[in-house]
Protein backbone atom coordinates (compact mmCIF):
# COMPACT_ATOMS: atom_id res chain seq x y z
CA ALA A 1 -33.56 -16.89 44.42
CA ALA A 2 -32.79 -14.28 47.16
CA GLU A 3 -36.44 -13.75 47.53
CA ALA A 4 -37.74 -17.34 47.89
CA ALA A 5 -35.09 -18.75 50.06
CA GLY A 6 -33.82 -15.28 52.01
CA PRO A 7 -30.36 -13.44 51.32
CA GLU A 8 -29.36 -15.14 54.98
CA ARG A 9 -29.19 -18.45 52.86
CA LEU A 10 -27.24 -17.45 49.77
CA LEU A 11 -23.72 -18.24 49.17
CA PHE A 12 -21.56 -16.68 46.08
CA GLY A 13 -19.69 -19.26 44.19
CA THR A 14 -17.69 -18.41 40.98
CA ASP A 15 -16.97 -21.83 38.14
CA PHE A 16 -13.30 -21.22 38.83
CA PRO A 17 -11.24 -22.08 36.55
CA LEU A 18 -13.61 -22.53 34.05
CA ILE A 19 -14.73 -18.85 34.22
CA ASN A 20 -12.19 -16.97 35.70
CA TYR A 21 -12.39 -14.20 38.35
CA GLY A 22 -12.09 -11.22 35.90
CA ARG A 23 -15.18 -12.63 33.96
CA MET A 24 -17.35 -13.50 37.22
CA PHE A 25 -16.97 -9.71 38.41
CA SER A 26 -17.68 -8.51 34.61
CA TYR A 27 -20.78 -10.84 35.00
CA LEU A 28 -21.71 -9.29 38.50
CA GLY A 29 -21.45 -5.76 37.40
CA GLN A 30 -23.58 -6.64 34.16
CA ALA A 31 -26.32 -7.69 36.92
CA GLY A 32 -25.48 -4.02 39.26
CA LEU A 33 -23.95 -6.45 42.30
CA SER A 34 -21.00 -5.43 43.66
CA PRO A 35 -19.23 -7.21 46.82
CA THR A 36 -17.64 -3.56 48.14
CA ASP A 37 -21.55 -2.14 48.26
CA GLY A 38 -22.14 -2.02 51.95
CA ALA A 39 -25.57 -3.25 51.85
CA ALA A 40 -26.14 -6.24 54.64
CA TRP A 41 -27.57 -8.61 52.19
CA VAL A 42 -24.55 -8.19 50.24
CA ARG A 43 -22.06 -8.28 52.92
CA ALA A 44 -23.81 -11.76 53.94
CA PHE A 45 -24.27 -12.85 50.39
CA PHE A 46 -20.37 -11.88 48.98
CA GLY A 47 -18.98 -13.67 52.93
CA GLU A 48 -20.83 -13.74 56.14
CA ASN A 49 -22.67 -16.36 55.40
CA ALA A 50 -20.02 -18.66 54.39
CA GLN A 51 -18.43 -17.38 57.72
CA ASN A 52 -21.20 -18.46 59.43
CA LEU A 53 -21.65 -22.19 57.82
CA LEU A 54 -18.28 -22.63 58.18
CA GLY A 55 -17.98 -21.73 61.72
CA LEU A 56 -15.09 -19.09 60.50
CA LYS A 57 -14.42 -15.39 62.09
CA GLY A 58 -14.50 -12.26 60.56
CA GLU A 59 -12.00 -9.98 60.04
CA GLY A 60 -12.52 -7.01 63.08
């Protein structure tokens, strides 16, 4: 999806409460993804894209 749309057009989401957070992070780990990775696309996917879309100010 990231290759087709570009990472700036993706948002992280869960199926909570159907899938709890522990299980979701397990799935992310299996896919080699971590919200603590410092890569720009990871920061965008896990938060910055949603902040921009919703007009929210990030930390700092």
